Amino acid sequence: MTMQLENKEGKSKFTASVRKKLVDLLDEQAAKLKLNRSDVVESAIELWLKKLAEEEEEKYFSVAAAEMNKDAKVWNATTTASVLRNL
């Protein structure tokens, strides 16, 4: 797995408290990828934010599709009733 990191300008430091076991796993993966801990954390946060955005987009389109299906059913019922009246 190859990770490409963005330009390192404009970075900010922050502190997070996490379980020791998680830090150990993070350091293990960072070593395998030949990255430092900060790069792995940054990449993980970017992936998490991307996943959240994708989930929100999926939810939006799911709701929109349900609404379109509801509208289509109403339209079909209306047009069917109209055709039957005209027969």
N, C-alpha and C. Protein backbone atom coordinates (compact mmCIF):
# COMPACT_ATOMS: atom_id res chain seq x y z
N MET A 1 0.85 -1.17 0.00
CA MET A 1 0.00 0.00 0.00
C MET A 1 0.89 1.23 0.00
N THR A 2 0.68 2.09 -0.95
CA THR A 2 1.47 3.30 -1.06
C THR A 2 0.61 4.48 -0.66
N MET A 3 1.13 5.31 0.20
CA MET A 3 0.41 6.51 0.62
C MET A 3 1.14 7.71 0.08
N GLN A 4 0.38 8.61 -0.52
CA GLN A 4 0.96 9.86 -0.97
C GLN A 4 0.45 10.95 -0.05
N LEU A 5 1.36 11.66 0.54
CA LEU A 5 0.98 12.71 1.46
C LEU A 5 1.09 14.06 0.79
N GLU A 6 0.19 14.93 1.16
CA GLU A 6 0.16 16.28 0.60
C GLU A 6 1.33 17.10 1.12
N ASN A 7 1.45 18.28 0.59
CA ASN A 7 2.47 19.23 0.99
C ASN A 7 2.47 19.40 2.52
N LYS A 8 3.63 19.42 3.12
CA LYS A 8 3.73 19.48 4.58
C LYS A 8 3.65 20.90 5.12
N GLU A 9 3.42 21.89 4.28
CA GLU A 9 3.30 23.27 4.76
C GLU A 9 2.00 23.45 5.53
N GLY A 10 2.02 24.36 6.48
CA GLY A 10 0.81 24.74 7.17
C GLY A 10 0.27 23.69 8.12
N LYS A 11 1.12 22.85 8.66
CA LYS A 11 0.65 21.84 9.59
C LYS A 11 0.47 22.43 10.98
N SER A 12 -0.45 21.85 11.73
CA SER A 12 -0.67 22.25 13.12
C SER A 12 -0.46 21.04 14.01
N LYS A 13 -0.01 21.28 15.21
CA LYS A 13 0.15 20.20 16.18
C LYS A 13 -1.11 20.13 17.03
N PHE A 14 -1.46 18.92 17.43
CA PHE A 14 -2.54 18.73 18.38
C PHE A 14 -2.21 17.51 19.22
N THR A 15 -2.87 17.41 20.34
CA THR A 15 -2.64 16.31 21.26
C THR A 15 -3.90 15.45 21.33
N ALA A 16 -3.69 14.16 21.32
CA ALA A 16 -4.81 13.23 21.46
C ALA A 16 -4.40 12.14 22.44
N SER A 17 -5.30 11.77 23.30
CA SER A 17 -5.04 10.67 24.23
C SER A 17 -5.70 9.42 23.68
N VAL A 18 -4.90 8.39 23.45
CA VAL A 18 -5.41 7.13 22.91
C VAL A 18 -4.81 5.97 23.70
N ARG A 19 -5.45 4.83 23.56
CA ARG A 19 -4.97 3.64 24.26
C ARG A 19 -3.54 3.28 23.81
N LYS A 20 -2.75 2.79 24.74
CA LYS A 20 -1.36 2.40 24.46
C LYS A 20 -1.31 1.34 23.36
N LYS A 21 -2.24 0.40 23.39
CA LYS A 21 -2.25 -0.66 22.39
C LYS A 21 -2.44 -0.07 20.98
N LEU A 22 -3.28 0.95 20.88
CA LEU A 22 -3.50 1.60 19.59
C LEU A 22 -2.24 2.31 19.10
N VAL A 23 -1.54 2.95 20.02
CA VAL A 23 -0.28 3.62 19.66
C VAL A 23 0.74 2.59 19.19
N ASP A 24 0.80 1.46 19.86
CA ASP A 24 1.72 0.40 19.44
C ASP A 24 1.41 -0.09 18.03
N LEU A 25 0.11 -0.30 17.75
CA LEU A 25 -0.29 -0.71 16.40
C LEU A 25 0.03 0.36 15.37
N LEU A 26 -0.21 1.60 15.74
CA LEU A 26 0.10 2.73 14.87
C LEU A 26 1.59 2.76 14.54
N ASP A 27 2.41 2.63 15.54
CA ASP A 27 3.87 2.65 15.33
C ASP A 27 4.32 1.47 14.48
N GLU A 28 3.71 0.32 14.70
CA GLU A 28 4.04 -0.88 13.92
C GLU A 28 3.73 -0.66 12.44
N GLN A 29 2.54 -0.13 12.17
CA GLN A 29 2.16 0.12 10.77
C GLN A 29 3.00 1.23 10.15
N ALA A 30 3.30 2.25 10.92
CA ALA A 30 4.14 3.34 10.41
C ALA A 30 5.50 2.80 10.01
N ALA A 31 6.06 1.93 10.82
CA ALA A 31 7.37 1.35 10.50
C ALA A 31 7.30 0.52 9.22
N LYS A 32 6.23 -0.28 9.07
CA LYS A 32 6.07 -1.09 7.86
C LYS A 32 5.97 -0.22 6.62
N LEU A 33 5.30 0.92 6.75
CA LEU A 33 5.10 1.82 5.61
C LEU A 33 6.25 2.83 5.45
N LYS A 34 7.20 2.77 6.38
CA LYS A 34 8.33 3.71 6.39
C LYS A 34 7.84 5.16 6.43
N LEU A 35 6.87 5.38 7.31
CA LEU A 35 6.33 6.72 7.54
C LEU A 35 6.48 7.04 9.02
N ASN A 36 6.38 8.31 9.36
CA ASN A 36 6.39 8.65 10.78
C ASN A 36 4.96 8.62 11.31
N ARG A 37 4.84 8.64 12.61
CA ARG A 37 3.53 8.55 13.26
C ARG A 37 2.59 9.66 12.80
N SER A 38 3.09 10.87 12.68
CA SER A 38 2.24 11.99 12.27
C SER A 38 1.66 11.77 10.87
N ASP A 39 2.48 11.25 9.96
CA ASP A 39 1.98 11.00 8.60
C ASP A 39 0.88 9.94 8.59
N VAL A 40 1.05 8.91 9.41
CA VAL A 40 0.03 7.85 9.47
C VAL A 40 -1.26 8.38 10.09
N VAL A 41 -1.14 9.17 11.16
CA VAL A 41 -2.32 9.76 11.79
C VAL A 41 -3.03 10.69 10.81
N GLU A 42 -2.26 11.52 10.11
CA GLU A 42 -2.86 12.43 9.13
C GLU A 42 -3.59 11.65 8.04
N SER A 43 -2.97 10.61 7.54
CA SER A 43 -3.60 9.78 6.50
C SER A 43 -4.87 9.12 7.02
N ALA A 44 -4.83 8.64 8.26
CA ALA A 44 -6.00 7.99 8.85
C ALA A 44 -7.15 8.98 9.01
N ILE A 45 -6.85 10.19 9.43
CA ILE A 45 -7.89 11.20 9.59
C ILE A 45 -8.49 11.55 8.23
N GLU A 46 -7.64 11.69 7.22
CA GLU A 46 -8.14 11.98 5.87
C GLU A 46 -9.05 10.86 5.37
N LEU A 47 -8.65 9.61 5.59
CA LEU A 47 -9.49 8.48 5.17
C LEU A 47 -10.81 8.47 5.92
N TRP A 48 -10.79 8.76 7.20
CA TRP A 48 -11.99 8.80 8.02
C TRP A 48 -12.94 9.89 7.53
N LEU A 49 -12.40 11.07 7.26
CA LEU A 49 -13.23 12.18 6.77
C LEU A 49 -13.81 11.86 5.40
N LYS A 50 -13.03 11.21 4.55
CA LYS A 50 -13.52 10.81 3.23
C LYS A 50 -14.66 9.79 3.38
N LYS A 51 -14.49 8.85 4.29
CA LYS A 51 -15.54 7.84 4.54
C LYS A 51 -16.82 8.51 5.03
N LEU A 52 -16.69 9.46 5.95
CA LEU A 52 -17.87 10.18 6.43
C LEU A 52 -18.58 10.91 5.30
N ALA A 53 -17.82 11.56 4.44
CA ALA A 53 -18.40 12.29 3.31
C ALA A 53 -19.12 11.33 2.37
N GLU A 54 -18.50 10.17 2.12
CA GLU A 54 -19.13 9.18 1.24
C GLU A 54 -20.42 8.64 1.86
N GLU A 55 -20.41 8.42 3.17
CA GLU A 55 -21.62 7.93 3.85
C GLU A 55 -22.74 8.97 3.78
N GLU A 56 -22.38 10.24 3.96
CA GLU A 56 -23.38 11.31 3.87
C GLU A 56 -23.94 11.40 2.45
N GLU A 57 -23.07 11.26 1.46
CA GLU A 57 -23.52 11.31 0.06
C GLU A 57 -24.44 10.13 -0.24
N GLU A 58 -24.07 8.95 0.24
CA GLU A 58 -24.90 7.76 0.03
C GLU A 58 -26.27 7.94 0.70
N LYS A 59 -26.28 8.49 1.90
CA LYS A 59 -27.54 8.74 2.61
C LYS A 59 -28.40 9.72 1.82
N TYR A 60 -27.79 10.80 1.32
CA TYR A 60 -28.52 11.80 0.55
C TYR A 60 -29.17 11.17 -0.67
N PHE A 61 -28.39 10.40 -1.44
CA PHE A 61 -28.94 9.80 -2.66
C PHE A 61 -29.97 8.72 -2.35
N SER A 62 -29.82 8.03 -1.24
CA SER A 62 -30.80 7.03 -0.83
C SER A 62 -32.14 7.68 -0.51
N VAL A 63 -32.09 8.79 0.22
CA VAL A 63 -33.31 9.53 0.55
C VAL A 63 -33.93 10.11 -0.72
N ALA A 64 -33.09 10.65 -1.61
CA ALA A 64 -33.60 11.22 -2.86
C ALA A 64 -34.24 10.14 -3.72
N ALA A 65 -33.64 8.96 -3.78
CA ALA A 65 -34.20 7.86 -4.57
C ALA A 65 -35.53 7.42 -3.99
N ALA A 66 -35.63 7.33 -2.67
CA ALA A 66 -36.89 6.94 -2.04
C ALA A 66 -37.98 7.96 -2.35
N GLU A 67 -37.63 9.24 -2.32
CA GLU A 67 -38.60 10.29 -2.63
C GLU A 67 -39.04 10.21 -4.09
N MET A 68 -38.08 9.96 -4.99
CA MET A 68 -38.43 9.84 -6.41
C MET A 68 -39.33 8.62 -6.65
N ASN A 69 -39.05 7.51 -5.95
CA ASN A 69 -39.90 6.33 -6.08
C ASN A 69 -41.31 6.60 -5.59
N LYS A 70 -41.43 7.33 -4.49
CA LYS A 70 -42.74 7.69 -3.95
C LYS A 70 -43.49 8.56 -4.96
N ASP A 71 -42.80 9.55 -5.53
CA ASP A 71 -43.42 10.42 -6.54
C ASP A 71 -43.84 9.63 -7.76
N ALA A 72 -43.01 8.67 -8.17
CA ALA A 72 -43.33 7.85 -9.35
C ALA A 72 -44.56 7.00 -9.09
N LYS A 73 -44.70 6.45 -7.89
CA LYS A 73 -45.87 5.64 -7.55
C LYS A 73 -47.14 6.49 -7.59
N VAL A 74 -47.06 7.70 -7.05
CA VAL A 74 -48.22 8.61 -7.08
C VAL A 74 -48.56 8.94 -8.53
N TRP A 75 -47.57 9.25 -9.33
CA TRP A 75 -47.78 9.57 -10.75
C TRP A 75 -48.41 8.39 -11.48
N ASN A 76 -47.89 7.19 -11.25
CA ASN A 76 -48.45 6.00 -11.90
C ASN A 76 -49.90 5.77 -11.50
N ALA A 77 -50.18 5.95 -10.22
CA ALA A 77 -51.56 5.76 -9.75
C ALA A 77 -52.48 6.79 -10.39
N THR A 78 -52.04 8.02 -10.49
CA THR A 78 -52.84 9.09 -11.08
C THR A 78 -53.09 8.83 -12.56
N THR A 79 -52.04 8.49 -13.29
CA THR A 79 -52.20 8.25 -14.73
C THR A 79 -53.01 7.00 -15.00
N THR A 80 -52.85 5.97 -14.18
CA THR A 80 -53.64 4.74 -14.35
C THR A 80 -55.11 5.03 -14.12
N ALA A 81 -55.41 5.78 -13.06
CA ALA A 81 -56.80 6.14 -12.77
C ALA A 81 -57.38 6.97 -13.92
N SER A 82 -56.60 7.86 -14.46
CA SER A 82 -57.06 8.71 -15.58
C SER A 82 -57.35 7.85 -16.81
N VAL A 83 -56.47 6.94 -17.13
CA VAL A 83 -56.69 6.06 -18.28
C VAL A 83 -57.92 5.20 -18.08
N LEU A 84 -58.10 4.66 -16.90
CA LEU A 84 -59.26 3.82 -16.63
C LEU A 84 -60.57 4.60 -16.73
N ARG A 85 -60.56 5.86 -16.30
CA ARG A 85 -61.75 6.69 -16.41
C ARG A 85 -62.10 6.96 -17.89
N ASN A 86 -61.09 7.09 -18.71
CA ASN A 86 -61.29 7.41 -20.11
C ASN A 86 -61.63 6.20 -20.98
N LEU A 87 -61.58 5.02 -20.42
CA LEU A 87 -61.90 3.83 -21.21
C LEU A 87 -63.36 3.63 -21.38
